[in-house]
């Protein structure tokens, strides 16, 4: 964990889409640092979610950075569409991308922040060559494709190893975690080195106000972040 600042990125995958704009506004008012948008194509992961029109709609209702997590087979093909819609940063997966350097460079050429995500079973070593070029790394703490999953504690060692790598190679690179993040697992992830928490169900799917859920997450990691 670097700099002692923990950022929270509410994931709208768990939001009530009948109240999406309202819930995003609640998250922004409660101190969210960015909004996480999960894009799934039914090929790279076994689920369909949302596309650029959702980003376009969100851009009209929030000033927060829109972080677009592309869990799709051909991210390069869709980059321009999402940039035009209002995406501020992109996370693309190492898995299945034979031209990762090219994809990352294209994102940067478009003037956006570039990050790489790795799945729970993917070794940290795959990040070694690309790490100097990244603004952020996302460690999936569940297998991607669906919300409401349980945090995989086996990923904690992976988070620690990525944290060591970023500190040695690219200290400005953020370390993000996504999947099963609640007050308990957020603390574990931050202790392992994460400084950005993607949380969906624990913010939008809990039987509490969005503001209360956000406060609970922040309070859970306050001591270790100091």
C-alpha atoms as a PDB file:
ATOM      1  CA  UNK A   1       0.000   0.000   0.000  1.00  0.00           C
ATOM      2  CA  UNK A   2       1.499   3.279  -1.173  1.00  0.00           C
ATOM      3  CA  UNK A   3       1.012   6.898  -0.138  1.00  0.00           C
ATOM      4  CA  UNK A   4      -1.494   6.051   2.611  1.00  0.00           C
ATOM      5  CA  UNK A   5      -4.437   7.051   0.395  1.00  0.00           C
ATOM      6  CA  UNK A   6      -7.111   4.451  -0.305  1.00  0.00           C
ATOM      7  CA  UNK A   7      -9.450   5.157  -3.202  1.00  0.00           C
ATOM      8  CA  UNK A   8     -12.883   3.632  -3.661  1.00  0.00           C
ATOM      9  CA  UNK A   9     -14.347   2.855  -7.074  1.00  0.00           C
ATOM     10  CA  UNK A  10     -18.005   1.822  -6.838  1.00  0.00           C
ATOM     11  CA  UNK A  11     -18.860  -0.751  -9.502  1.00  0.00           C
ATOM     12  CA  UNK A  12     -22.180  -0.103 -11.198  1.00  0.00           C
ATOM     13  CA  UNK A  13     -22.511  -3.780 -12.138  1.00  0.00           C
ATOM     14  CA  UNK A  14     -24.307  -4.156  -8.798  1.00  0.00           C
ATOM     15  CA  UNK A  15     -26.367  -0.976  -9.089  1.00  0.00           C
ATOM     16  CA  UNK A  16     -30.111  -0.754  -9.587  1.00  0.00           C
ATOM     17  CA  UNK A  17     -30.286   0.238 -13.254  1.00  0.00           C
ATOM     18  CA  UNK A  18     -33.707   1.783 -12.736  1.00  0.00           C
ATOM     19  CA  UNK A  19     -31.936   4.236 -10.405  1.00  0.00           C
ATOM     20  CA  UNK A  20     -28.463   4.255 -11.947  1.00  0.00           C
ATOM     21  CA  UNK A  21     -27.989   8.013 -12.227  1.00  0.00           C
ATOM     22  CA  UNK A  22     -29.367   8.531  -8.739  1.00  0.00           C
ATOM     23  CA  UNK A  23     -27.107   5.896  -7.186  1.00  0.00           C
ATOM     24  CA  UNK A  24     -24.009   7.213  -8.964  1.00  0.00           C
ATOM     25  CA  UNK A  25     -24.847  10.696  -7.690  1.00  0.00           C
ATOM     26  CA  UNK A  26     -25.154   9.261  -4.168  1.00  0.00           C
ATOM     27  CA  UNK A  27     -21.755   7.599  -4.509  1.00  0.00           C
ATOM     28  CA  UNK A  28     -20.182  10.817  -5.751  1.00  0.00           C
ATOM     29  CA  UNK A  29     -21.666  12.804  -2.875  1.00  0.00           C
ATOM     30  CA  UNK A  30     -20.396  10.152  -0.445  1.00  0.00           C
ATOM     31  CA  UNK A  31     -16.814  10.613  -1.641  1.00  0.00           C
ATOM     32  CA  UNK A  32     -16.278   8.013  -4.360  1.00  0.00           C
ATOM     33  CA  UNK A  33     -13.039   8.556  -6.244  1.00  0.00           C
ATOM     34  CA  UNK A  34     -14.130   7.071  -9.576  1.00  0.00           C
ATOM     35  CA  UNK A  35     -16.909   4.972 -11.079  1.00  0.00           C
ATOM     36  CA  UNK A  36     -16.034   1.466 -12.273  1.00  0.00           C
ATOM     37  CA  UNK A  37     -17.844   0.281 -15.414  1.00  0.00           C
ATOM     38  CA  UNK A  38     -17.663  -3.443 -16.202  1.00  0.00           C
ATOM     39  CA  UNK A  39     -18.014  -4.200 -19.910  1.00  0.00           C
ATOM     40  CA  UNK A  40     -18.555  -7.886 -20.777  1.00  0.00           C
ATOM     41  CA  UNK A  41     -19.115  -9.414 -24.200  1.00  0.00           C
ATOM     42  CA  UNK A  42     -20.267 -12.951 -23.431  1.00  0.00           C
ATOM     43  CA  UNK A  43     -17.113 -14.343 -25.082  1.00  0.00           C
ATOM     44  CA  UNK A  44     -14.157 -13.309 -22.948  1.00  0.00           C
ATOM     45  CA  UNK A  45     -16.328 -13.887 -19.890  1.00  0.00           C
ATOM     46  CA  UNK A  46     -19.608 -15.843 -19.701  1.00  0.00           C
ATOM     47  CA  UNK A  47     -21.853 -12.836 -19.244  1.00  0.00           C
ATOM     48  CA  UNK A  48     -23.167  -9.755 -21.048  1.00  0.00           C
ATOM     49  CA  UNK A  49     -23.268  -6.424 -19.254  1.00  0.00           C
ATOM     50  CA  UNK A  50     -23.161  -2.917 -20.720  1.00  0.00           C
ATOM     51  CA  UNK A  51     -21.575  -0.818 -23.432  1.00  0.00           C
ATOM     52  CA  UNK A  52     -20.643   2.713 -24.450  1.00  0.00           C
ATOM     53  CA  UNK A  53     -24.207   4.112 -24.208  1.00  0.00           C
ATOM     54  CA  UNK A  54     -24.104   3.590 -20.431  1.00  0.00           C
ATOM     55  CA  UNK A  55     -20.806   5.474 -20.225  1.00  0.00           C
ATOM     56  CA  UNK A  56     -22.302   8.269 -22.325  1.00  0.00           C
ATOM     57  CA  UNK A  57     -25.290   8.512 -19.982  1.00  0.00           C
ATOM     58  CA  UNK A  58     -23.094   8.500 -16.875  1.00  0.00           C
ATOM     59  CA  UNK A  59     -20.890  11.228 -18.300  1.00  0.00           C
ATOM     60  CA  UNK A  60     -23.880  13.558 -18.214  1.00  0.00           C
ATOM     61  CA  UNK A  61     -24.612  12.989 -14.522  1.00  0.00           C
ATOM     62  CA  UNK A  62     -21.201  12.772 -12.823  1.00  0.00           C
ATOM     63  CA  UNK A  63     -17.876  14.555 -12.851  1.00  0.00           C
ATOM     64  CA  UNK A  64     -16.092  11.536 -11.415  1.00  0.00           C
ATOM     65  CA  UNK A  65     -13.576   9.705 -13.617  1.00  0.00           C
ATOM     66  CA  UNK A  66     -15.204   6.813 -15.456  1.00  0.00           C
ATOM     67  CA  UNK A  67     -13.010   3.725 -15.311  1.00  0.00           C
ATOM     68  CA  UNK A  68     -13.888   1.221 -18.035  1.00  0.00           C
ATOM     69  CA  UNK A  69     -12.982  -2.407 -17.368  1.00  0.00           C
ATOM     70  CA  UNK A  70     -13.001  -4.153 -20.735  1.00  0.00           C
ATOM     71  CA  UNK A  71     -13.645  -7.850 -20.201  1.00  0.00           C
ATOM     72  CA  UNK A  72     -13.980  -8.388 -23.931  1.00  0.00           C
ATOM     73  CA  UNK A  73     -12.176 -10.309 -26.659  1.00  0.00           C
ATOM     74  CA  UNK A  74     -11.095  -7.365 -28.839  1.00  0.00           C
ATOM     75  CA  UNK A  75     -10.676  -4.253 -26.682  1.00  0.00           C
ATOM     76  CA  UNK A  76      -8.792  -2.293 -29.349  1.00  0.00           C
ATOM     77  CA  UNK A  77     -11.804  -2.291 -31.635  1.00  0.00           C
ATOM     78  CA  UNK A  78     -13.969  -0.494 -29.058  1.00  0.00           C
ATOM     79  CA  UNK A  79     -11.535   2.033 -27.559  1.00  0.00           C
ATOM     80  CA  UNK A  80     -12.539   4.966 -29.760  1.00  0.00           C
ATOM     81  CA  UNK A  81     -16.230   4.386 -29.064  1.00  0.00           C
ATOM     82  CA  UNK A  82     -15.707   4.431 -25.309  1.00  0.00           C
ATOM     83  CA  UNK A  83     -13.423   7.465 -25.454  1.00  0.00           C
ATOM     84  CA  UNK A  84     -16.085   9.335 -27.401  1.00  0.00           C
ATOM     85  CA  UNK A  85     -18.671   8.250 -24.834  1.00  0.00           C
ATOM     86  CA  UNK A  86     -16.597   9.700 -21.991  1.00  0.00           C
ATOM     87  CA  UNK A  87     -14.307   7.023 -20.534  1.00  0.00           C
ATOM     88  CA  UNK A  88     -11.329   8.421 -18.621  1.00  0.00           C
ATOM     89  CA  UNK A  89      -9.326   5.234 -18.102  1.00  0.00           C
ATOM     90  CA  UNK A  90      -9.245   1.665 -19.329  1.00  0.00           C
ATOM     91  CA  UNK A  91      -8.414  -1.682 -17.785  1.00  0.00           C
ATOM     92  CA  UNK A  92      -7.662  -4.436 -20.290  1.00  0.00           C
ATOM     93  CA  UNK A  93      -6.882  -8.049 -19.493  1.00  0.00           C
ATOM     94  CA  UNK A  94      -3.548  -9.745 -20.043  1.00  0.00           C
ATOM     95  CA  UNK A  95      -5.391 -12.979 -20.765  1.00  0.00           C
ATOM     96  CA  UNK A  96      -6.119 -13.481 -24.439  1.00  0.00           C
ATOM     97  CA  UNK A  97      -4.378 -10.306 -25.620  1.00  0.00           C
ATOM     98  CA  UNK A  98      -1.426 -11.101 -27.867  1.00  0.00           C
ATOM     99  CA  UNK A  99      -0.629  -7.423 -28.433  1.00  0.00           C
ATOM    100  CA  UNK A 100      -0.892  -5.978 -24.945  1.00  0.00           C
ATOM    101  CA  UNK A 101       1.835  -3.363 -25.429  1.00  0.00           C
ATOM    102  CA  UNK A 102       0.061  -2.082 -28.527  1.00  0.00           C
ATOM    103  CA  UNK A 103      -3.262  -1.881 -26.701  1.00  0.00           C
ATOM    104  CA  UNK A 104      -1.744  -0.013 -23.758  1.00  0.00           C
ATOM    105  CA  UNK A 105       0.057   2.406 -26.065  1.00  0.00           C
ATOM    106  CA  UNK A 106      -3.118   3.048 -28.024  1.00  0.00           C
ATOM    107  CA  UNK A 107      -4.950   3.929 -24.822  1.00  0.00           C
ATOM    108  CA  UNK A 108      -2.194   6.362 -23.908  1.00  0.00           C
ATOM    109  CA  UNK A 109      -2.195   7.848 -27.404  1.00  0.00           C
ATOM    110  CA  UNK A 110      -5.889   8.562 -26.873  1.00  0.00           C
ATOM    111  CA  UNK A 111      -4.918  10.555 -23.789  1.00  0.00           C
ATOM    112  CA  UNK A 112      -6.346   8.111 -21.250  1.00  0.00           C
ATOM    113  CA  UNK A 113      -4.987   6.204 -18.267  1.00  0.00           C
ATOM    114  CA  UNK A 114      -4.029   2.620 -19.053  1.00  0.00           C
ATOM    115  CA  UNK A 115      -4.193  -0.376 -16.760  1.00  0.00           C
ATOM    116  CA  UNK A 116      -3.864  -4.137 -17.041  1.00  0.00           C
ATOM    117  CA  UNK A 117      -6.008  -6.663 -15.182  1.00  0.00           C
ATOM    118  CA  UNK A 118      -5.011 -10.219 -14.306  1.00  0.00           C
ATOM    119  CA  UNK A 119      -7.263 -13.094 -13.291  1.00  0.00           C
ATOM    120  CA  UNK A 120      -6.815 -15.084 -10.063  1.00  0.00           C
ATOM    121  CA  UNK A 121      -4.957 -17.954 -11.770  1.00  0.00           C
ATOM    122  CA  UNK A 122      -2.650 -15.737 -13.855  1.00  0.00           C
ATOM    123  CA  UNK A 123       0.932 -15.473 -12.536  1.00  0.00           C
ATOM    124  CA  UNK A 124       2.248 -12.063 -11.532  1.00  0.00           C
ATOM    125  CA  UNK A 125       5.303 -12.555 -13.754  1.00  0.00           C
ATOM    126  CA  UNK A 126       3.265 -11.668 -16.857  1.00  0.00           C
ATOM    127  CA  UNK A 127       3.321  -8.036 -15.700  1.00  0.00           C
ATOM    128  CA  UNK A 128       7.094  -7.656 -15.646  1.00  0.00           C
ATOM    129  CA  UNK A 129       7.559  -6.333 -19.183  1.00  0.00           C
ATOM    130  CA  UNK A 130       4.476  -4.114 -19.268  1.00  0.00           C
ATOM    131  CA  UNK A 131       4.690  -2.676 -15.742  1.00  0.00           C
ATOM    132  CA  UNK A 132       6.768   0.432 -16.620  1.00  0.00           C
ATOM    133  CA  UNK A 133       4.050   1.541 -19.060  1.00  0.00           C
ATOM    134  CA  UNK A 134       1.072   1.250 -16.719  1.00  0.00           C
ATOM    135  CA  UNK A 135      -0.915   3.733 -14.676  1.00  0.00           C
ATOM    136  CA  UNK A 136      -2.620   0.968 -12.725  1.00  0.00           C
ATOM    137  CA  UNK A 137      -2.812  -2.795 -12.239  1.00  0.00           C
ATOM    138  CA  UNK A 138      -6.012  -4.594 -11.341  1.00  0.00           C
ATOM    139  CA  UNK A 139      -5.825  -7.889  -9.488  1.00  0.00           C
ATOM    140  CA  UNK A 140      -9.079  -9.803  -9.857  1.00  0.00           C
ATOM    141  CA  UNK A 141      -9.990 -11.304  -6.502  1.00  0.00           C
ATOM    142  CA  UNK A 142     -12.786 -13.362  -8.059  1.00  0.00           C
ATOM    143  CA  UNK A 143     -13.043 -15.012 -11.446  1.00  0.00           C
ATOM    144  CA  UNK A 144     -14.448 -12.333 -13.760  1.00  0.00           C
ATOM    145  CA  UNK A 145     -17.878 -12.388 -15.287  1.00  0.00           C
ATOM    146  CA  UNK A 146     -20.380 -12.012 -12.462  1.00  0.00           C
ATOM    147  CA  UNK A 147     -21.015  -9.943  -9.363  1.00  0.00           C
ATOM    148  CA  UNK A 148     -21.972 -11.255  -5.905  1.00  0.00           C
ATOM    149  CA  UNK A 149     -18.948 -13.592  -5.691  1.00  0.00           C
ATOM    150  CA  UNK A 150     -16.852 -14.486  -2.661  1.00  0.00           C
ATOM    151  CA  UNK A 151     -13.383 -12.957  -2.301  1.00  0.00           C
ATOM    152  CA  UNK A 152     -10.646 -15.499  -3.064  1.00  0.00           C
ATOM    153  CA  UNK A 153      -8.153 -15.302  -0.198  1.00  0.00           C
ATOM    154  CA  UNK A 154      -5.622 -17.123  -2.358  1.00  0.00           C
ATOM    155  CA  UNK A 155      -5.206 -13.833  -4.256  1.00  0.00           C
ATOM    156  CA  UNK A 156      -3.717 -12.046  -1.241  1.00  0.00           C
ATOM    157  CA  UNK A 157      -0.241 -13.353  -2.007  1.00  0.00           C
ATOM    158  CA  UNK A 158      -0.669 -12.166  -5.587  1.00  0.00           C
ATOM    159  CA  UNK A 159      -1.566  -8.681  -4.334  1.00  0.00           C
ATOM    160  CA  UNK A 160       1.570  -8.663  -2.170  1.00  0.00           C
ATOM    161  CA  UNK A 161       3.757  -9.666  -5.115  1.00  0.00           C
ATOM    162  CA  UNK A 162       2.241  -7.049  -7.412  1.00  0.00           C
ATOM    163  CA  UNK A 163       2.726  -4.440  -4.688  1.00  0.00           C
ATOM    164  CA  UNK A 164       6.412  -5.333  -4.443  1.00  0.00           C
ATOM    165  CA  UNK A 165       6.747  -5.157  -8.223  1.00  0.00           C
ATOM    166  CA  UNK A 166       5.125  -1.745  -8.504  1.00  0.00           C
ATOM    167  CA  UNK A 167       7.270  -0.331  -5.712  1.00  0.00           C
ATOM    168  CA  UNK A 168      10.422  -1.557  -7.440  1.00  0.00           C
ATOM    169  CA  UNK A 169       9.527  -0.801 -11.059  1.00  0.00           C
ATOM    170  CA  UNK A 170       6.778   1.832 -11.182  1.00  0.00           C
ATOM    171  CA  UNK A 171       5.937   3.421  -7.812  1.00  0.00           C
ATOM    172  CA  UNK A 172       3.291   5.673  -9.368  1.00  0.00           C
ATOM    173  CA  UNK A 173       1.292   2.677 -10.597  1.00  0.00           C
ATOM    174  CA  UNK A 174      -1.922   2.190  -8.614  1.00  0.00           C
ATOM    175  CA  UNK A 175      -2.794  -1.290  -7.343  1.00  0.00           C
ATOM    176  CA  UNK A 176      -6.481  -2.046  -7.614  1.00  0.00           C
ATOM    177  CA  UNK A 177      -8.515  -5.044  -6.461  1.00  0.00           C
ATOM    178  CA  UNK A 178     -11.903  -6.144  -7.737  1.00  0.00           C
ATOM    179  CA  UNK A 179     -14.232  -8.875  -6.530  1.00  0.00           C
ATOM    180  CA  UNK A 180     -15.939  -9.678  -3.241  1.00  0.00           C
ATOM    181  CA  UNK A 181     -14.760  -6.464  -1.594  1.00  0.00           C
ATOM    182  CA  UNK A 182     -16.526  -5.642   1.660  1.00  0.00           C
ATOM    183  CA  UNK A 183     -15.388  -4.198   4.987  1.00  0.00           C
ATOM    184  CA  UNK A 184     -13.576  -7.403   5.963  1.00  0.00           C
ATOM    185  CA  UNK A 185     -11.894  -8.209   2.657  1.00  0.00           C
ATOM    186  CA  UNK A 186     -11.073  -4.559   1.974  1.00  0.00           C
ATOM    187  CA  UNK A 187      -8.880  -4.567   5.068  1.00  0.00           C
ATOM    188  CA  UNK A 188      -7.125  -7.760   3.940  1.00  0.00           C
ATOM    189  CA  UNK A 189      -6.495  -6.323   0.470  1.00  0.00           C
ATOM    190  CA  UNK A 190      -5.143  -3.021   1.776  1.00  0.00           C
ATOM    191  CA  UNK A 191      -2.881  -4.806   4.243  1.00  0.00           C
ATOM    192  CA  UNK A 192      -1.535  -6.787   1.270  1.00  0.00           C
ATOM    193  CA  UNK A 193      -0.767  -3.594  -0.655  1.00  0.00           C
ATOM    194  CA  UNK A 194      -3.869  -2.493  -2.567  1.00  0.00           C
ATOM    195  CA  UNK A 195      -4.722   1.200  -2.708  1.00  0.00           C
ATOM    196  CA  UNK A 196      -7.824   1.184  -4.918  1.00  0.00           C
ATOM    197  CA  UNK A 197     -10.911  -0.827  -3.953  1.00  0.00           C
ATOM    198  CA  UNK A 198     -13.556  -1.735  -6.514  1.00  0.00           C
ATOM    199  CA  UNK A 199     -16.758  -2.553  -4.653  1.00  0.00           C
ATOM    200  CA  UNK A 200     -20.165  -3.280  -6.099  1.00  0.00           C
ATOM    201  CA  UNK A 201     -22.485  -5.415  -4.021  1.00  0.00           C
ATOM    202  CA  UNK A 202     -21.240  -4.016  -0.704  1.00  0.00           C
ATOM    203  CA  UNK A 203     -22.070  -0.470  -1.896  1.00  0.00           C
ATOM    204  CA  UNK A 204     -25.068  -0.769  -4.199  1.00  0.00           C
ATOM    205  CA  UNK A 205     -26.422  -4.177  -3.229  1.00  0.00           C
ATOM    206  CA  UNK A 206     -26.423  -3.820   0.540  1.00  0.00           C
ATOM    207  CA  UNK A 207     -29.538  -2.995   2.539  1.00  0.00           C
ATOM    208  CA  UNK A 208     -28.017   0.294   3.636  1.00  0.00           C
ATOM    209  CA  UNK A 209     -27.645   3.729   2.116  1.00  0.00           C
ATOM    210  CA  UNK A 210     -24.835   4.127  -0.402  1.00  0.00           C
ATOM    211  CA  UNK A 211     -23.257   6.788   1.817  1.00  0.00           C
ATOM    212  CA  UNK A 212     -23.287   4.473   4.838  1.00  0.00           C
ATOM    213  CA  UNK A 213     -21.755   1.629   2.832  1.00  0.00           C
ATOM    214  CA  UNK A 214     -18.997   3.916   1.565  1.00  0.00           C
ATOM    215  CA  UNK A 215     -18.295   5.176   5.073  1.00  0.00           C
ATOM    216  CA  UNK A 216     -18.088   1.612   6.350  1.00  0.00           C
ATOM    217  CA  UNK A 217     -15.493   0.694   3.736  1.00  0.00           C
ATOM    218  CA  UNK A 218     -13.378   3.758   4.454  1.00  0.00           C
ATOM    219  CA  UNK A 219     -13.535   3.238   8.194  1.00  0.00           C
ATOM    220  CA  UNK A 220     -12.512  -0.397   7.778  1.00  0.00           C
ATOM    221  CA  UNK A 221      -9.202   0.543   6.163  1.00  0.00           C
ATOM    222  CA  UNK A 222      -8.463   3.850   7.906  1.00  0.00           C
ATOM    223  CA  UNK A 223      -6.010   2.550  10.492  1.00  0.00           C
ATOM    224  CA  UNK A 224      -3.895   0.457   8.138  1.00  0.00           C
ATOM    225  CA  UNK A 225      -3.785   3.303   5.612  1.00  0.00           C
ATOM    226  CA  UNK A 226      -2.144   5.697   8.070  1.00  0.00           C
END
